[in-house]
Amino acid sequence: MLSLWDTICSAENDMEMENYSDQKQEFLSNFLELANEILSQHTINRVFRFF
């Protein structure tokens, strides 16, 4: 879900996705259940390699 949100807000790669999510974590936690921390750019990259 965060990756979709980041992409809509113009994040173009895994590093930008992580940075944007980190900056907006408090705001996003109002709408999303963030049980763990924001994913690292390496984890985001591994997930998107499967697509």
C-alpha atoms as a PDB file:
ATOM      1  CA  MET A   1       0.000   0.000   0.000  1.00  0.00           C
ATOM      2  CA  LEU A   2       2.808   2.407   0.846  1.00  0.00           C
ATOM      3  CA  SER A   3       4.502   1.780  -2.490  1.00  0.00           C
ATOM      4  CA  LEU A   4       1.347   2.760  -4.333  1.00  0.00           C
ATOM      5  CA  TRP A   5       1.018   5.915  -2.236  1.00  0.00           C
ATOM      6  CA  ASP A   6       4.692   6.784  -2.819  1.00  0.00           C
ATOM      7  CA  THR A   7       4.372   6.266  -6.566  1.00  0.00           C
ATOM      8  CA  ILE A   8       1.287   8.481  -6.773  1.00  0.00           C
ATOM      9  CA  CYS A   9       3.315  11.173  -4.995  1.00  0.00           C
ATOM     10  CA  SER A  10       6.066  10.991  -7.665  1.00  0.00           C
ATOM     11  CA  ALA A  11       8.591   8.655  -6.037  1.00  0.00           C
ATOM     12  CA  GLU A  12      10.494   7.154  -8.965  1.00  0.00           C
ATOM     13  CA  ASN A  13      12.730   4.540  -7.346  1.00  0.00           C
ATOM     14  CA  ASP A  14      13.145   2.480  -4.185  1.00  0.00           C
ATOM     15  CA  MET A  15      15.262   5.101  -2.397  1.00  0.00           C
ATOM     16  CA  GLU A  16      12.696   7.844  -3.038  1.00  0.00           C
ATOM     17  CA  MET A  17       9.906   5.520  -1.840  1.00  0.00           C
ATOM     18  CA  GLU A  18      11.715   4.861   1.428  1.00  0.00           C
ATOM     19  CA  ASN A  19      12.517   8.545   1.960  1.00  0.00           C
ATOM     20  CA  TYR A  20       8.968   9.697   1.246  1.00  0.00           C
ATOM     21  CA  SER A  21       7.464   7.037   3.525  1.00  0.00           C
ATOM     22  CA  ASP A  22       9.869   7.953   6.319  1.00  0.00           C
ATOM     23  CA  GLN A  23       8.965  11.622   6.009  1.00  0.00           C
ATOM     24  CA  LYS A  24       5.214  10.910   6.008  1.00  0.00           C
ATOM     25  CA  GLN A  25       5.154   8.028   8.516  1.00  0.00           C
ATOM     26  CA  GLU A  26       3.252   9.949  11.208  1.00  0.00           C
ATOM     27  CA  PHE A  27       0.655  11.165   8.700  1.00  0.00           C
ATOM     28  CA  LEU A  28       0.273   7.738   7.073  1.00  0.00           C
ATOM     29  CA  SER A  29      -0.151   6.011  10.431  1.00  0.00           C
ATOM     30  CA  ASN A  30      -3.463   7.879  10.780  1.00  0.00           C
ATOM     31  CA  PHE A  31      -4.840   5.885   7.816  1.00  0.00           C
ATOM     32  CA  LEU A  32      -2.771   2.702   7.733  1.00  0.00           C
ATOM     33  CA  GLU A  33      -1.849   0.224  10.413  1.00  0.00           C
ATOM     34  CA  LEU A  34       1.944   0.338  10.450  1.00  0.00           C
ATOM     35  CA  ALA A  35       2.738  -2.579  12.738  1.00  0.00           C
ATOM     36  CA  ASN A  36       6.427  -2.462  11.840  1.00  0.00           C
ATOM     37  CA  GLU A  37       8.733   0.275  10.647  1.00  0.00           C
ATOM     38  CA  ILE A  38       8.788   1.558   7.075  1.00  0.00           C
ATOM     39  CA  LEU A  39      10.428  -0.928   4.698  1.00  0.00           C
ATOM     40  CA  SER A  40      14.000  -0.227   3.675  1.00  0.00           C
ATOM     41  CA  GLN A  41      14.900   0.517   0.077  1.00  0.00           C
ATOM     42  CA  HIS A  42      16.516  -2.928  -0.163  1.00  0.00           C
ATOM     43  CA  THR A  43      13.312  -4.694   0.864  1.00  0.00           C
ATOM     44  CA  ILE A  44      11.265  -2.582  -1.546  1.00  0.00           C
ATOM     45  CA  ASN A  45      13.711  -3.453  -4.315  1.00  0.00           C
ATOM     46  CA  ARG A  46      13.491  -7.203  -3.561  1.00  0.00           C
ATOM     47  CA  VAL A  47       9.689  -7.098  -3.631  1.00  0.00           C
ATOM     48  CA  PHE A  48       9.519  -5.263  -6.961  1.00  0.00           C
ATOM     49  CA  ARG A  49      12.019  -7.629  -8.602  1.00  0.00           C
ATOM     50  CA  PHE A  50       9.270 -10.263  -8.593  1.00  0.00           C
ATOM     51  CA  PHE A  51       7.003  -8.139 -10.808  1.00  0.00           C
END
